[in-house]
Amino acid sequence: MTITDLVSLGVNPTAPSTGIGSAGSSQRSTQPATSSDNVSLSGLAQLLQTGSSDRAARLASLSAAVRSGTYSVSPEALSRSVVSETISATQPYASQQ
């Protein structure tokens, strides 16, 4: 995916569009475009959006603990997690043999 800065290309993204195929045409509409578009979020999207502030606070807390050197990981919990992930990741392969 490429994101292009339209302003650096000399294009005004806020100027009214004259439509496809009108490049080079000297006639431009001076009336603003009217839009009846609207957006609504599903319940799941709203839940995810609400949870993002909680997640951001948790990440800020963890980041501060790591920077200050007070964050510690239980070796037992880490090893259990690594083994569990490895087993679950290899389950589809084990059933094919």
PDB file of N, CA and C in Angstrom:
ATOM      1  N   MET A   1       0.846  -1.170   0.000  1.00  0.00           N
ATOM      2  CA  MET A   1       0.000   0.000   0.000  1.00  0.00           C
ATOM      3  C   MET A   1       0.888   1.228   0.000  1.00  0.00           C
ATOM      4  N   THR A   2       0.573   2.162  -0.837  1.00  0.00           N
ATOM      5  CA  THR A   2       1.337   3.391  -0.936  1.00  0.00           C
ATOM      6  C   THR A   2       0.440   4.564  -0.579  1.00  0.00           C
ATOM      7  N   ILE A   3       0.954   5.429   0.262  1.00  0.00           N
ATOM      8  CA  ILE A   3       0.227   6.644   0.623  1.00  0.00           C
ATOM      9  C   ILE A   3       0.969   7.805  -0.009  1.00  0.00           C
ATOM     10  N   THR A   4       0.251   8.574  -0.798  1.00  0.00           N
ATOM     11  CA  THR A   4       0.867   9.685  -1.513  1.00  0.00           C
ATOM     12  C   THR A   4       0.356  10.997  -0.941  1.00  0.00           C
ATOM     13  N   ASP A   5       1.283  11.900  -0.699  1.00  0.00           N
ATOM     14  CA  ASP A   5       0.929  13.231  -0.227  1.00  0.00           C
ATOM     15  C   ASP A   5       0.479  14.039  -1.429  1.00  0.00           C
ATOM     16  N   LEU A   6      -0.837  14.250  -1.565  1.00  0.00           N
ATOM     17  CA  LEU A   6      -1.382  14.938  -2.727  1.00  0.00           C
ATOM     18  C   LEU A   6      -0.934  16.387  -2.809  1.00  0.00           C
ATOM     19  N   VAL A   7      -0.752  17.038  -1.680  1.00  0.00           N
ATOM     20  CA  VAL A   7      -0.356  18.444  -1.686  1.00  0.00           C
ATOM     21  C   VAL A   7       1.020  18.600  -2.309  1.00  0.00           C
ATOM     22  N   SER A   8       1.946  17.665  -2.013  1.00  0.00           N
ATOM     23  CA  SER A   8       3.285  17.762  -2.587  1.00  0.00           C
ATOM     24  C   SER A   8       3.266  17.543  -4.096  1.00  0.00           C
ATOM     25  N   LEU A   9       2.210  16.913  -4.617  1.00  0.00           N
ATOM     26  CA  LEU A   9       2.070  16.710  -6.059  1.00  0.00           C
ATOM     27  C   LEU A   9       1.354  17.865  -6.732  1.00  0.00           C
ATOM     28  N   GLY A  10       0.978  18.871  -5.949  1.00  0.00           N
ATOM     29  CA  GLY A  10       0.293  20.026  -6.502  1.00  0.00           C
ATOM     30  C   GLY A  10      -1.205  19.842  -6.624  1.00  0.00           C
ATOM     31  N   VAL A  11      -1.742  18.858  -5.929  1.00  0.00           N
ATOM     32  CA  VAL A  11      -3.177  18.598  -5.978  1.00  0.00           C
ATOM     33  C   VAL A  11      -3.802  19.105  -4.695  1.00  0.00           C
ATOM     34  N   ASN A  12      -4.880  19.835  -4.814  1.00  0.00           N
ATOM     35  CA  ASN A  12      -5.599  20.322  -3.646  1.00  0.00           C
ATOM     36  C   ASN A  12      -6.702  19.321  -3.330  1.00  0.00           C
ATOM     37  N   PRO A  13      -6.528  18.481  -2.262  1.00  0.00           N
ATOM     38  CA  PRO A  13      -7.520  17.454  -1.973  1.00  0.00           C
ATOM     39  C   PRO A  13      -8.864  18.020  -1.512  1.00  0.00           C
ATOM     40  N   THR A  14      -8.919  19.295  -1.159  1.00  0.00           N
ATOM     41  CA  THR A  14     -10.182  19.883  -0.704  1.00  0.00           C
ATOM     42  C   THR A  14     -10.915  20.608  -1.820  1.00  0.00           C
ATOM     43  N   ALA A  15     -10.290  20.704  -2.990  1.00  0.00           N
ATOM     44  CA  ALA A  15     -10.951  21.356  -4.118  1.00  0.00           C
ATOM     45  C   ALA A  15     -12.046  20.454  -4.643  1.00  0.00           C
ATOM     46  N   PRO A  16     -13.162  21.044  -5.104  1.00  0.00           N
ATOM     47  CA  PRO A  16     -14.243  20.210  -5.631  1.00  0.00           C
ATOM     48  C   PRO A  16     -13.786  19.459  -6.867  1.00  0.00           C
ATOM     49  N   SER A  17     -14.166  18.222  -6.950  1.00  0.00           N
ATOM     50  CA  SER A  17     -13.799  17.376  -8.076  1.00  0.00           C
ATOM     51  C   SER A  17     -14.717  17.635  -9.242  1.00  0.00           C
ATOM     52  N   THR A  18     -14.158  17.542 -10.441  1.00  0.00           N
ATOM     53  CA  THR A  18     -14.985  17.725 -11.637  1.00  0.00           C
ATOM     54  C   THR A  18     -15.387  16.393 -12.229  1.00  0.00           C
ATOM     55  N   GLY A  19     -14.967  15.313 -11.629  1.00  0.00           N
ATOM     56  CA  GLY A  19     -15.379  13.997 -12.088  1.00  0.00           C
ATOM     57  C   GLY A  19     -14.318  13.324 -12.936  1.00  0.00           C
ATOM     58  N   ILE A  20     -14.556  12.066 -13.236  1.00  0.00           N
ATOM     59  CA  ILE A  20     -13.614  11.270 -14.015  1.00  0.00           C
ATOM     60  C   ILE A  20     -13.674  11.706 -15.472  1.00  0.00           C
ATOM     61  N   GLY A  21     -12.537  11.783 -16.099  1.00  0.00           N
ATOM     62  CA  GLY A  21     -12.478  12.118 -17.504  1.00  0.00           C
ATOM     63  C   GLY A  21     -12.539  13.600 -17.783  1.00  0.00           C
ATOM     64  N   SER A  22     -12.509  14.433 -16.781  1.00  0.00           N
ATOM     65  CA  SER A  22     -12.603  15.868 -17.022  1.00  0.00           C
ATOM     66  C   SER A  22     -11.256  16.551 -16.898  1.00  0.00           C
ATOM     67  N   ALA A  23     -10.175  15.771 -16.854  1.00  0.00           N
ATOM     68  CA  ALA A  23      -8.852  16.380 -16.782  1.00  0.00           C
ATOM     69  C   ALA A  23      -8.622  17.197 -18.031  1.00  0.00           C
ATOM     70  N   GLY A  24      -8.122  18.377 -17.881  1.00  0.00           N
ATOM     71  CA  GLY A  24      -7.871  19.246 -19.003  1.00  0.00           C
ATOM     72  C   GLY A  24      -9.059  20.124 -19.343  1.00  0.00           C
ATOM     73  N   SER A  25     -10.175  19.862 -18.735  1.00  0.00           N
ATOM     74  CA  SER A  25     -11.360  20.680 -18.983  1.00  0.00           C
ATOM     75  C   SER A  25     -11.232  21.967 -18.202  1.00  0.00           C
ATOM     76  N   SER A  26     -11.592  23.059 -18.808  1.00  0.00           N
ATOM     77  CA  SER A  26     -11.472  24.337 -18.127  1.00  0.00           C
ATOM     78  C   SER A  26     -12.725  24.688 -17.346  1.00  0.00           C
ATOM     79  N   GLN A  27     -13.784  23.892 -17.491  1.00  0.00           N
ATOM     80  CA  GLN A  27     -15.016  24.166 -16.766  1.00  0.00           C
ATOM     81  C   GLN A  27     -14.979  23.451 -15.426  1.00  0.00           C
ATOM     82  N   ARG A  28     -15.204  24.177 -14.374  1.00  0.00           N
ATOM     83  CA  ARG A  28     -15.218  23.586 -13.036  1.00  0.00           C
ATOM     84  C   ARG A  28     -16.487  24.005 -12.328  1.00  0.00           C
ATOM     85  N   SER A  29     -16.993  23.104 -11.531  1.00  0.00           N
ATOM     86  CA  SER A  29     -18.192  23.395 -10.759  1.00  0.00           C
ATOM     87  C   SER A  29     -17.807  24.236  -9.551  1.00  0.00           C
ATOM     88  N   THR A  30     -18.563  25.272  -9.284  1.00  0.00           N
ATOM     89  CA  THR A  30     -18.281  26.109  -8.126  1.00  0.00           C
ATOM     90  C   THR A  30     -19.226  25.795  -6.978  1.00  0.00           C
ATOM     91  N   GLN A  31     -20.152  24.865  -7.210  1.00  0.00           N
ATOM     92  CA  GLN A  31     -21.081  24.498  -6.152  1.00  0.00           C
ATOM     93  C   GLN A  31     -20.488  23.347  -5.345  1.00  0.00           C
ATOM     94  N   PRO A  32     -20.580  23.434  -4.008  1.00  0.00           N
ATOM     95  CA  PRO A  32     -20.055  22.349  -3.185  1.00  0.00           C
ATOM     96  C   PRO A  32     -20.879  21.078  -3.394  1.00  0.00           C
ATOM     97  N   ALA A  33     -20.203  19.956  -3.320  1.00  0.00           N
ATOM     98  CA  ALA A  33     -20.889  18.682  -3.462  1.00  0.00           C
ATOM     99  C   ALA A  33     -21.710  18.410  -2.206  1.00  0.00           C
ATOM    100  N   THR A  34     -22.896  17.907  -2.416  1.00  0.00           N
ATOM    101  CA  THR A  34     -23.727  17.536  -1.271  1.00  0.00           C
ATOM    102  C   THR A  34     -23.575  16.049  -1.044  1.00  0.00           C
ATOM    103  N   SER A  35     -23.614  15.648   0.195  1.00  0.00           N
ATOM    104  CA  SER A  35     -23.414  14.251   0.526  1.00  0.00           C
ATOM    105  C   SER A  35     -24.438  13.800   1.548  1.00  0.00           C
ATOM    106  N   SER A  36     -24.929  12.607   1.346  1.00  0.00           N
ATOM    107  CA  SER A  36     -25.853  12.038   2.322  1.00  0.00           C
ATOM    108  C   SER A  36     -25.224  10.823   2.990  1.00  0.00           C
ATOM    109  N   ASP A  37     -23.898  10.728   2.918  1.00  0.00           N
ATOM    110  CA  ASP A  37     -23.196   9.615   3.545  1.00  0.00           C
ATOM    111  C   ASP A  37     -23.266   9.728   5.050  1.00  0.00           C
ATOM    112  N   ASN A  38     -23.361   8.591   5.719  1.00  0.00           N
ATOM    113  CA  ASN A  38     -23.268   8.577   7.170  1.00  0.00           C
ATOM    114  C   ASN A  38     -22.620   7.274   7.604  1.00  0.00           C
ATOM    115  N   VAL A  39     -22.088   7.273   8.786  1.00  0.00           N
ATOM    116  CA  VAL A  39     -21.366   6.121   9.308  1.00  0.00           C
ATOM    117  C   VAL A  39     -21.973   5.720  10.633  1.00  0.00           C
ATOM    118  N   SER A  40     -22.136   4.421  10.823  1.00  0.00           N
ATOM    119  CA  SER A  40     -22.571   3.926  12.126  1.00  0.00           C
ATOM    120  C   SER A  40     -21.689   2.737  12.493  1.00  0.00           C
ATOM    121  N   LEU A  41     -21.342   2.655  13.750  1.00  0.00           N
ATOM    122  CA  LEU A  41     -20.476   1.584  14.224  1.00  0.00           C
ATOM    123  C   LEU A  41     -21.313   0.437  14.772  1.00  0.00           C
ATOM    124  N   SER A  42     -20.868  -0.766  14.511  1.00  0.00           N
ATOM    125  CA  SER A  42     -21.548  -1.929  15.067  1.00  0.00           C
ATOM    126  C   SER A  42     -21.251  -2.003  16.557  1.00  0.00           C
ATOM    127  N   GLY A  43     -21.977  -2.844  17.234  1.00  0.00           N
ATOM    128  CA  GLY A  43     -21.748  -3.022  18.669  1.00  0.00           C
ATOM    129  C   GLY A  43     -20.341  -3.491  18.959  1.00  0.00           C
ATOM    130  N   LEU A  44     -19.811  -4.403  18.122  1.00  0.00           N
ATOM    131  CA  LEU A  44     -18.450  -4.902  18.309  1.00  0.00           C
ATOM    132  C   LEU A  44     -17.433  -3.782  18.115  1.00  0.00           C
ATOM    133  N   ALA A  45     -17.622  -2.966  17.093  1.00  0.00           N
ATOM    134  CA  ALA A  45     -16.694  -1.855  16.842  1.00  0.00           C
ATOM    135  C   ALA A  45     -16.710  -0.877  18.003  1.00  0.00           C
ATOM    136  N   GLN A  46     -17.900  -0.606  18.545  1.00  0.00           N
ATOM    137  CA  GLN A  46     -17.992   0.304  19.684  1.00  0.00           C
ATOM    138  C   GLN A  46     -17.296  -0.290  20.903  1.00  0.00           C
ATOM    139  N   LEU A  47     -17.447  -1.607  21.094  1.00  0.00           N
ATOM    140  CA  LEU A  47     -16.780  -2.279  22.206  1.00  0.00           C
ATOM    141  C   LEU A  47     -15.265  -2.208  22.048  1.00  0.00           C
ATOM    142  N   LEU A  48     -14.785  -2.456  20.831  1.00  0.00           N
ATOM    143  CA  LEU A  48     -13.343  -2.381  20.578  1.00  0.00           C
ATOM    144  C   LEU A  48     -12.815  -0.972  20.776  1.00  0.00           C
ATOM    145  N   GLN A  49     -13.601   0.016  20.367  1.00  0.00           N
ATOM    146  CA  GLN A  49     -13.183   1.405  20.521  1.00  0.00           C
ATOM    147  C   GLN A  49     -13.119   1.775  21.997  1.00  0.00           C
ATOM    148  N   THR A  50     -14.068   1.310  22.782  1.00  0.00           N
ATOM    149  CA  THR A  50     -14.081   1.576  24.215  1.00  0.00           C
ATOM    150  C   THR A  50     -12.899   0.897  24.898  1.00  0.00           C
ATOM    151  N   GLY A  51     -12.624  -0.336  24.497  1.00  0.00           N
ATOM    152  CA  GLY A  51     -11.521  -1.087  25.087  1.00  0.00           C
ATOM    153  C   GLY A  51     -10.168  -0.525  24.732  1.00  0.00           C
ATOM    154  N   SER A  52     -10.078   0.263  23.671  1.00  0.00           N
ATOM    155  CA  SER A  52      -8.787   0.773  23.250  1.00  0.00           C
ATOM    156  C   SER A  52      -8.194   1.740  24.277  1.00  0.00           C
ATOM    157  N   SER A  53      -9.031   2.479  24.996  1.00  0.00           N
ATOM    158  CA  SER A  53      -8.491   3.381  26.014  1.00  0.00           C
ATOM    159  C   SER A  53      -7.962   2.579  27.203  1.00  0.00           C
ATOM    160  N   ASP A  54      -8.640   1.479  27.533  1.00  0.00           N
ATOM    161  CA  ASP A  54      -8.146   0.605  28.596  1.00  0.00           C
ATOM    162  C   ASP A  54      -6.824  -0.040  28.184  1.00  0.00           C
ATOM    163  N   ARG A  55      -6.756  -0.449  26.921  1.00  0.00           N
ATOM    164  CA  ARG A  55      -5.542  -1.085  26.420  1.00  0.00           C
ATOM    165  C   ARG A  55      -4.397  -0.078  26.394  1.00  0.00           C
ATOM    166  N   ALA A  56      -4.674   1.136  25.988  1.00  0.00           N
ATOM    167  CA  ALA A  56      -3.645   2.172  25.945  1.00  0.00           C
ATOM    168  C   ALA A  56      -3.109   2.456  27.347  1.00  0.00           C
ATOM    169  N   ALA A  57      -3.997   2.482  28.334  1.00  0.00           N
ATOM    170  CA  ALA A  57      -3.564   2.713  29.714  1.00  0.00           C
ATOM    171  C   ALA A  57      -2.699   1.552  30.208  1.00  0.00           C
ATOM    172  N   ARG A  58      -3.087   0.321  29.856  1.00  0.00           N
ATOM    173  CA  ARG A  58      -2.313  -0.867  30.254  1.00  0.00           C
ATOM    174  C   ARG A  58      -0.932  -0.842  29.592  1.00  0.00           C
ATOM    175  N   LEU A  59      -0.882  -0.492  28.310  1.00  0.00           N
ATOM    176  CA  LEU A  59       0.405  -0.425  27.616  1.00  0.00           C
ATOM    177  C   LEU A  59       1.297   0.675  28.190  1.00  0.00           C
ATOM    178  N   ALA A  60       0.717   1.803  28.555  1.00  0.00           N
ATOM    179  CA  ALA A  60       1.500   2.883  29.154  1.00  0.00           C
ATOM    180  C   ALA A  60       2.081   2.436  30.488  1.00  0.00           C
ATOM    181  N   SER A  61       1.281   1.716  31.259  1.00  0.00           N
ATOM    182  CA  SER A  61       1.736   1.208  32.553  1.00  0.00           C
ATOM    183  C   SER A  61       2.877   0.206  32.376  1.00  0.00           C
ATOM    184  N   LEU A  62       2.719  -0.719  31.421  1.00  0.00           N
ATOM    185  CA  LEU A  62       3.773  -1.709  31.164  1.00  0.00           C
ATOM    186  C   LEU A  62       5.041  -1.039  30.642  1.00  0.00           C
ATOM    187  N   SER A  63       4.882  -0.066  29.786  1.00  0.00           N
ATOM    188  CA  SER A  63       6.027   0.641  29.234  1.00  0.00           C
ATOM    189  C   SER A  63       6.809   1.352  30.329  1.00  0.00           C
ATOM    190  N   ALA A  64       6.093   1.987  31.244  1.00  0.00           N
ATOM    191  CA  ALA A  64       6.755   2.681  32.356  1.00  0.00           C
ATOM    192  C   ALA A  64       7.498   1.687  33.245  1.00  0.00           C
ATOM    193  N   ALA A  65       6.891   0.519  33.487  1.00  0.00           N
ATOM    194  CA  ALA A  65       7.539  -0.495  34.323  1.00  0.00           C
ATOM    195  C   ALA A  65       8.798  -1.031  33.656  1.00  0.00           C
ATOM    196  N   VAL A  66       8.758  -1.236  32.354  1.00  0.00           N
ATOM    197  CA  VAL A  66       9.938  -1.721  31.633  1.00  0.00           C
ATOM    198  C   VAL A  66      11.041  -0.674  31.675  1.00  0.00           C
ATOM    199  N   ARG A  67      10.679   0.609  31.416  1.00  0.00           N
ATOM    200  CA  ARG A  67      11.680   1.684  31.440  1.00  0.00           C
ATOM    201  C   ARG A  67      12.323   1.839  32.809  1.00  0.00           C
ATOM    202  N   SER A  68      11.541   1.663  33.856  1.00  0.00           N
ATOM    203  CA  SER A  68      12.086   1.857  35.207  1.00  0.00           C
ATOM    204  C   SER A  68      12.798   0.615  35.728  1.00  0.00           C
ATOM    205  N   GLY A  69      12.669  -0.501  35.005  1.00  0.00           N
ATOM    206  CA  GLY A  69      13.344  -1.728  35.433  1.00  0.00           C
ATOM    207  C   GLY A  69      12.567  -2.516  36.470  1.00  0.00           C
ATOM    208  N   THR A  70      11.324  -2.166  36.722  1.00  0.00           N
ATOM    209  CA  THR A  70      10.532  -2.872  37.728  1.00  0.00           C
ATOM    210  C   THR A  70       9.645  -3.958  37.139  1.00  0.00           C
ATOM    211  N   TYR A  71       9.618  -4.112  35.819  1.00  0.00           N
ATOM    212  CA  TYR A  71       8.794  -5.143  35.184  1.00  0.00           C
ATOM    213  C   TYR A  71       9.522  -6.469  35.256  1.00  0.00           C
ATOM    214  N   SER A  72       8.853  -7.480  35.759  1.00  0.00           N
ATOM    215  CA  SER A  72       9.467  -8.805  35.818  1.00  0.00           C
ATOM    216  C   SER A  72       8.472  -9.844  35.298  1.00  0.00           C
ATOM    217  N   VAL A  73       9.027 -10.868  34.714  1.00  0.00           N
ATOM    218  CA  VAL A  73       8.230 -11.942  34.147  1.00  0.00           C
ATOM    219  C   VAL A  73       8.519 -13.213  34.929  1.00  0.00           C
ATOM    220  N   SER A  74       7.467 -13.939  35.277  1.00  0.00           N
ATOM    221  CA  SER A  74       7.627 -15.222  35.950  1.00  0.00           C
ATOM    222  C   SER A  74       8.205 -16.223  34.956  1.00  0.00           C
ATOM    223  N   PRO A  75       9.347 -16.803  35.244  1.00  0.00           N
ATOM    224  CA  PRO A  75       9.929 -17.788  34.312  1.00  0.00           C
ATOM    225  C   PRO A  75       9.000 -18.976  34.074  1.00  0.00           C
ATOM    226  N   GLU A  76       8.292 -19.398  35.118  1.00  0.00           N
ATOM    227  CA  GLU A  76       7.371 -20.532  34.974  1.00  0.00           C
ATOM    228  C   GLU A  76       6.212 -20.181  34.034  1.00  0.00           C
ATOM    229  N   ALA A  77       5.647 -18.996  34.210  1.00  0.00           N
ATOM    230  CA  ALA A  77       4.533 -18.581  33.366  1.00  0.00           C
ATOM    231  C   ALA A  77       4.992 -18.423  31.919  1.00  0.00           C
ATOM    232  N   LEU A  78       6.181 -17.877  31.722  1.00  0.00           N
ATOM    233  CA  LEU A  78       6.714 -17.704  30.379  1.00  0.00           C
ATOM    234  C   LEU A  78       6.935 -19.047  29.702  1.00  0.00           C
ATOM    235  N   SER A  79       7.550 -19.997  30.415  1.00  0.00           N
ATOM    236  CA  SER A  79       7.822 -21.304  29.810  1.00  0.00           C
ATOM    237  C   SER A  79       6.528 -22.041  29.496  1.00  0.00           C
ATOM    238  N   ARG A  80       5.534 -21.952  30.378  1.00  0.00           N
ATOM    239  CA  ARG A  80       4.240 -22.591  30.110  1.00  0.00           C
ATOM    240  C   ARG A  80       3.599 -22.004  28.856  1.00  0.00           C
ATOM    241  N   SER A  81       3.674 -20.699  28.734  1.00  0.00           N
ATOM    242  CA  SER A  81       3.091 -20.023  27.585  1.00  0.00           C
ATOM    243  C   SER A  81       3.786 -20.421  26.286  1.00  0.00           C
ATOM    244  N   VAL A  82       5.109 -20.488  26.300  1.00  0.00           N
ATOM    245  CA  VAL A  82       5.865 -20.860  25.115  1.00  0.00           C
ATOM    246  C   VAL A  82       5.534 -22.297  24.703  1.00  0.00           C
ATOM    247  N   VAL A  83       5.516 -23.218  25.658  1.00  0.00           N
ATOM    248  CA  VAL A  83       5.206 -24.617  25.361  1.00  0.00           C
ATOM    249  C   VAL A  83       3.772 -24.755  24.868  1.00  0.00           C
ATOM    250  N   SER A  84       2.836 -24.077  25.514  1.00  0.00           N
ATOM    251  CA  SER A  84       1.437 -24.141  25.120  1.00  0.00           C
ATOM    252  C   SER A  84       1.229 -23.618  23.699  1.00  0.00           C
ATOM    253  N   GLU A  85       1.852 -22.490  23.370  1.00  0.00           N
ATOM    254  CA  GLU A  85       1.753 -21.926  22.023  1.00  0.00           C
ATOM    255  C   GLU A  85       2.365 -22.859  20.990  1.00  0.00           C
ATOM    256  N   THR A  86       3.477 -23.462  21.319  1.00  0.00           N
ATOM    257  CA  THR A  86       4.141 -24.378  20.398  1.00  0.00           C
ATOM    258  C   THR A  86       3.268 -25.594  20.131  1.00  0.00           C
ATOM    259  N   ILE A  87       2.673 -26.142  21.171  1.00  0.00           N
ATOM    260  CA  ILE A  87       1.795 -27.307  21.011  1.00  0.00           C
ATOM    261  C   ILE A  87       0.569 -26.947  20.180  1.00  0.00           C
ATOM    262  N   SER A  88      -0.051 -25.823  20.478  1.00  0.00           N
ATOM    263  CA  SER A  88      -1.257 -25.450  19.728  1.00  0.00           C
ATOM    264  C   SER A  88      -0.933 -25.109  18.282  1.00  0.00           C
ATOM    265  N   ALA A  89       0.250 -24.575  18.015  1.00  0.00           N
ATOM    266  CA  ALA A  89       0.635 -24.233  16.649  1.00  0.00           C
ATOM    267  C   ALA A  89       0.948 -25.473  15.823  1.00  0.00           C
ATOM    268  N   THR A  90       1.357 -26.553  16.466  1.00  0.00           N
ATOM    269  CA  THR A  90       1.728 -27.773  15.739  1.00  0.00           C
ATOM    270  C   THR A  90       0.586 -28.783  15.697  1.00  0.00           C
ATOM    271  N   GLN A  91      -0.537 -28.527  16.327  1.00  0.00           N
ATOM    272  CA  GLN A  91      -1.653 -29.473  16.338  1.00  0.00           C
ATOM    273  C   GLN A  91      -2.149 -29.824  14.938  1.00  0.00           C
ATOM    274  N   PRO A  92      -2.340 -28.877  14.028  1.00  0.00           N
ATOM    275  CA  PRO A  92      -2.818 -29.264  12.695  1.00  0.00           C
ATOM    276  C   PRO A  92      -1.851 -30.199  11.979  1.00  0.00           C
ATOM    277  N   TYR A  93      -0.555 -30.037  12.197  1.00  0.00           N
ATOM    278  CA  TYR A  93       0.449 -30.879  11.546  1.00  0.00           C
ATOM    279  C   TYR A  93       0.458 -32.270  12.157  1.00  0.00           C
ATOM    280  N   ALA A  94       0.244 -32.381  13.447  1.00  0.00           N
ATOM    281  CA  ALA A  94       0.264 -33.669  14.127  1.00  0.00           C
ATOM    282  C   ALA A  94      -0.893 -34.547  13.658  1.00  0.00           C
ATOM    283  N   SER A  95      -2.045 -33.954  13.365  1.00  0.00           N
ATOM    284  CA  SER A  95      -3.204 -34.740  12.955  1.00  0.00           C
ATOM    285  C   SER A  95      -3.085 -35.216  11.502  1.00  0.00           C
ATOM    286  N   GLN A  96      -2.206 -34.620  10.693  1.00  0.00           N
ATOM    287  CA  GLN A  96      -2.042 -35.011   9.292  1.00  0.00           C
ATOM    288  C   GLN A  96      -1.120 -36.209   9.134  1.00  0.00           C
ATOM    289  N   GLN A  97      -0.349 -36.532  10.150  1.00  0.00           N
ATOM    290  CA  GLN A  97       0.641 -37.614  10.019  1.00  0.00           C
ATOM    291  C   GLN A  97       0.062 -38.953  10.340  1.00  0.00           C
TER     292      GLN A  97
END
